[in-house]
């Protein structure tokens, strides 16, 4: 998969989020379970977790200091 294809992909697996955004899988799991505004947005299809690239970008903007 080329860099261009990666940039165009909307739904990311936990491994892809780790590679692209630097969030470890451990952090992702903790952030998914959080019951506050800091909950990392995700979707679950069966047993698979997927992250919407656009929602992660918005989440990062909302949590900027």
N, C-alpha and C. Protein backbone atom coordinates (compact mmCIF):
# COMPACT_ATOMS: atom_id res chain seq x y z
N UNK A 1 0.86 -1.18 0.00
CA UNK A 1 0.00 0.00 0.00
C UNK A 1 0.90 1.24 0.00
N UNK A 2 0.63 2.16 -0.91
CA UNK A 2 1.45 3.36 -0.99
C UNK A 2 0.99 4.39 0.03
N UNK A 3 1.82 5.40 0.25
CA UNK A 3 1.48 6.48 1.18
C UNK A 3 0.20 7.17 0.73
N UNK A 4 0.06 7.39 -0.56
CA UNK A 4 -1.14 8.05 -1.08
C UNK A 4 -2.40 7.25 -0.77
N UNK A 5 -2.35 5.92 -0.93
CA UNK A 5 -3.50 5.08 -0.63
C UNK A 5 -3.83 5.13 0.86
N UNK A 6 -2.82 5.16 1.72
CA UNK A 6 -3.03 5.23 3.15
C UNK A 6 -3.73 6.53 3.51
N UNK A 7 -3.34 7.64 2.89
CA UNK A 7 -3.94 8.93 3.18
C UNK A 7 -5.40 8.98 2.75
N UNK A 8 -5.77 8.20 1.75
CA UNK A 8 -7.14 8.23 1.24
C UNK A 8 -8.06 7.26 1.98
N UNK A 9 -7.51 6.36 2.74
CA UNK A 9 -8.31 5.36 3.44
C UNK A 9 -9.01 6.02 4.63
N UNK A 10 -10.32 5.88 4.71
CA UNK A 10 -11.08 6.54 5.78
C UNK A 10 -11.13 5.70 7.06
N UNK A 11 -11.41 4.42 6.97
CA UNK A 11 -11.57 3.57 8.15
C UNK A 11 -10.27 2.85 8.44
N UNK A 12 -9.76 3.02 9.66
CA UNK A 12 -8.46 2.50 10.05
C UNK A 12 -8.57 1.43 11.13
N UNK A 13 -7.73 0.43 11.04
CA UNK A 13 -7.64 -0.60 12.09
C UNK A 13 -6.80 -0.04 13.24
N UNK A 14 -6.83 -0.69 14.40
CA UNK A 14 -5.98 -0.24 15.50
C UNK A 14 -4.49 -0.18 15.12
N UNK A 15 -4.01 -1.13 14.34
CA UNK A 15 -2.61 -1.12 13.92
C UNK A 15 -2.31 0.08 13.03
N UNK A 16 -3.24 0.43 12.15
CA UNK A 16 -3.05 1.58 11.27
C UNK A 16 -3.08 2.89 12.06
N UNK A 17 -3.95 2.96 13.07
CA UNK A 17 -4.00 4.16 13.93
C UNK A 17 -2.69 4.29 14.69
N UNK A 18 -2.16 3.18 15.16
CA UNK A 18 -0.88 3.20 15.88
C UNK A 18 0.24 3.70 14.97
N UNK A 19 0.27 3.22 13.73
CA UNK A 19 1.33 3.61 12.80
C UNK A 19 1.20 5.07 12.36
N UNK A 20 -0.04 5.50 12.13
CA UNK A 20 -0.24 6.84 11.57
C UNK A 20 -0.30 7.95 12.62
N UNK A 21 -0.99 7.69 13.73
CA UNK A 21 -1.18 8.73 14.75
C UNK A 21 -0.27 8.55 15.96
N UNK A 22 0.33 7.38 16.10
CA UNK A 22 1.22 7.13 17.23
C UNK A 22 0.52 6.75 18.51
N UNK A 23 -0.77 6.40 18.45
CA UNK A 23 -1.51 5.96 19.64
C UNK A 23 -1.29 4.45 19.79
N UNK A 24 -0.66 4.04 20.88
CA UNK A 24 -0.45 2.60 21.09
C UNK A 24 -1.80 1.90 21.21
N UNK A 25 -1.80 0.61 20.96
CA UNK A 25 -3.05 -0.16 21.07
C UNK A 25 -3.56 -0.14 22.51
N UNK A 26 -2.65 -0.09 23.47
CA UNK A 26 -3.04 0.00 24.88
C UNK A 26 -3.76 1.32 25.15
N UNK A 27 -3.22 2.43 24.63
CA UNK A 27 -3.87 3.73 24.80
C UNK A 27 -5.24 3.73 24.12
N UNK A 28 -5.31 3.15 22.92
CA UNK A 28 -6.59 3.11 22.20
C UNK A 28 -7.65 2.39 23.02
N UNK A 29 -7.29 1.26 23.60
CA UNK A 29 -8.24 0.50 24.41
C UNK A 29 -8.71 1.31 25.61
N UNK A 30 -7.78 1.97 26.30
CA UNK A 30 -8.15 2.79 27.47
C UNK A 30 -9.02 3.96 27.04
N UNK A 31 -8.69 4.61 25.92
CA UNK A 31 -9.45 5.77 25.46
C UNK A 31 -10.84 5.37 24.96
N UNK A 32 -10.98 4.15 24.44
CA UNK A 32 -12.32 3.68 24.02
C UNK A 32 -13.21 3.45 25.22
N UNK A 33 -12.63 2.99 26.32
CA UNK A 33 -13.42 2.64 27.51
C UNK A 33 -13.74 3.84 28.39
N UNK A 34 -13.10 4.96 28.12
CA UNK A 34 -13.34 6.16 28.92
C UNK A 34 -14.79 6.59 28.77
N UNK A 35 -15.41 7.03 29.85
CA UNK A 35 -16.81 7.44 29.78
C UNK A 35 -16.96 8.96 29.88
N UNK A 36 -15.94 9.67 29.44
CA UNK A 36 -15.99 11.13 29.49
C UNK A 36 -15.85 11.70 28.08
N UNK A 37 -15.66 13.01 28.01
CA UNK A 37 -15.48 13.65 26.71
C UNK A 37 -14.21 13.19 26.01
N UNK A 38 -13.31 12.56 26.75
CA UNK A 38 -12.04 12.14 26.15
C UNK A 38 -12.12 10.77 25.48
N UNK A 39 -13.32 10.19 25.37
CA UNK A 39 -13.48 8.90 24.72
C UNK A 39 -13.08 8.99 23.25
N UNK A 40 -12.19 8.12 22.84
CA UNK A 40 -11.75 8.08 21.45
C UNK A 40 -12.88 7.50 20.60
N UNK A 41 -13.34 8.23 19.56
CA UNK A 41 -14.46 7.73 18.75
C UNK A 41 -14.05 6.51 17.92
N UNK A 42 -14.91 5.50 17.92
CA UNK A 42 -14.64 4.28 17.17
C UNK A 42 -15.95 3.61 16.77
N UNK A 43 -15.84 2.66 15.87
CA UNK A 43 -16.98 1.83 15.48
C UNK A 43 -16.57 0.38 15.66
N UNK A 44 -17.55 -0.46 15.99
CA UNK A 44 -17.27 -1.88 16.15
C UNK A 44 -18.20 -2.65 15.22
N UNK A 45 -17.59 -3.45 14.36
CA UNK A 45 -18.35 -4.29 13.43
C UNK A 45 -17.99 -5.73 13.78
N UNK A 46 -18.93 -6.41 14.40
CA UNK A 46 -18.61 -7.76 14.89
C UNK A 46 -17.55 -7.65 15.95
N UNK A 47 -16.42 -8.31 15.74
CA UNK A 47 -15.32 -8.24 16.70
C UNK A 47 -14.25 -7.24 16.28
N UNK A 48 -14.46 -6.55 15.16
CA UNK A 48 -13.45 -5.64 14.63
C UNK A 48 -13.69 -4.19 15.04
N UNK A 49 -12.63 -3.55 15.51
CA UNK A 49 -12.65 -2.13 15.87
C UNK A 49 -12.13 -1.35 14.67
N UNK A 50 -12.84 -0.29 14.30
CA UNK A 50 -12.39 0.58 13.22
C UNK A 50 -12.54 2.02 13.67
N UNK A 51 -11.59 2.85 13.21
CA UNK A 51 -11.58 4.26 13.55
C UNK A 51 -11.78 5.08 12.29
N UNK A 52 -12.66 6.07 12.37
CA UNK A 52 -12.89 7.00 11.27
C UNK A 52 -11.81 8.07 11.32
N UNK A 53 -11.02 8.18 10.27
CA UNK A 53 -9.93 9.14 10.21
C UNK A 53 -10.41 10.56 10.52
N UNK A 54 -11.56 10.95 9.98
CA UNK A 54 -12.07 12.31 10.16
C UNK A 54 -12.47 12.57 11.61
N UNK A 55 -13.03 11.57 12.28
CA UNK A 55 -13.42 11.73 13.68
C UNK A 55 -12.19 11.80 14.59
N UNK A 56 -11.15 11.06 14.25
CA UNK A 56 -9.91 11.14 15.04
C UNK A 56 -9.29 12.52 14.88
N UNK A 57 -9.28 13.05 13.65
CA UNK A 57 -8.76 14.40 13.43
C UNK A 57 -9.55 15.42 14.25
N UNK A 58 -10.87 15.31 14.24
CA UNK A 58 -11.72 16.24 15.01
C UNK A 58 -11.47 16.06 16.50
N UNK A 59 -11.30 14.83 16.96
CA UNK A 59 -11.04 14.54 18.37
C UNK A 59 -9.72 15.18 18.80
N UNK A 60 -8.71 15.09 17.95
CA UNK A 60 -7.42 15.72 18.26
C UNK A 60 -7.55 17.24 18.34
N UNK A 61 -8.32 17.83 17.45
CA UNK A 61 -8.52 19.29 17.49
C UNK A 61 -9.26 19.69 18.75
N UNK A 62 -10.25 18.90 19.17
CA UNK A 62 -11.00 19.20 20.39
C UNK A 62 -10.14 19.10 21.65
N UNK A 63 -9.09 18.32 21.59
CA UNK A 63 -8.24 18.08 22.77
C UNK A 63 -6.91 18.81 22.68
N UNK A 64 -6.83 19.78 21.81
CA UNK A 64 -5.60 20.58 21.71
C UNK A 64 -5.44 21.47 22.94
N UNK A 65 -4.23 21.65 23.36
CA UNK A 65 -3.95 22.50 24.52
C UNK A 65 -3.26 23.76 24.04
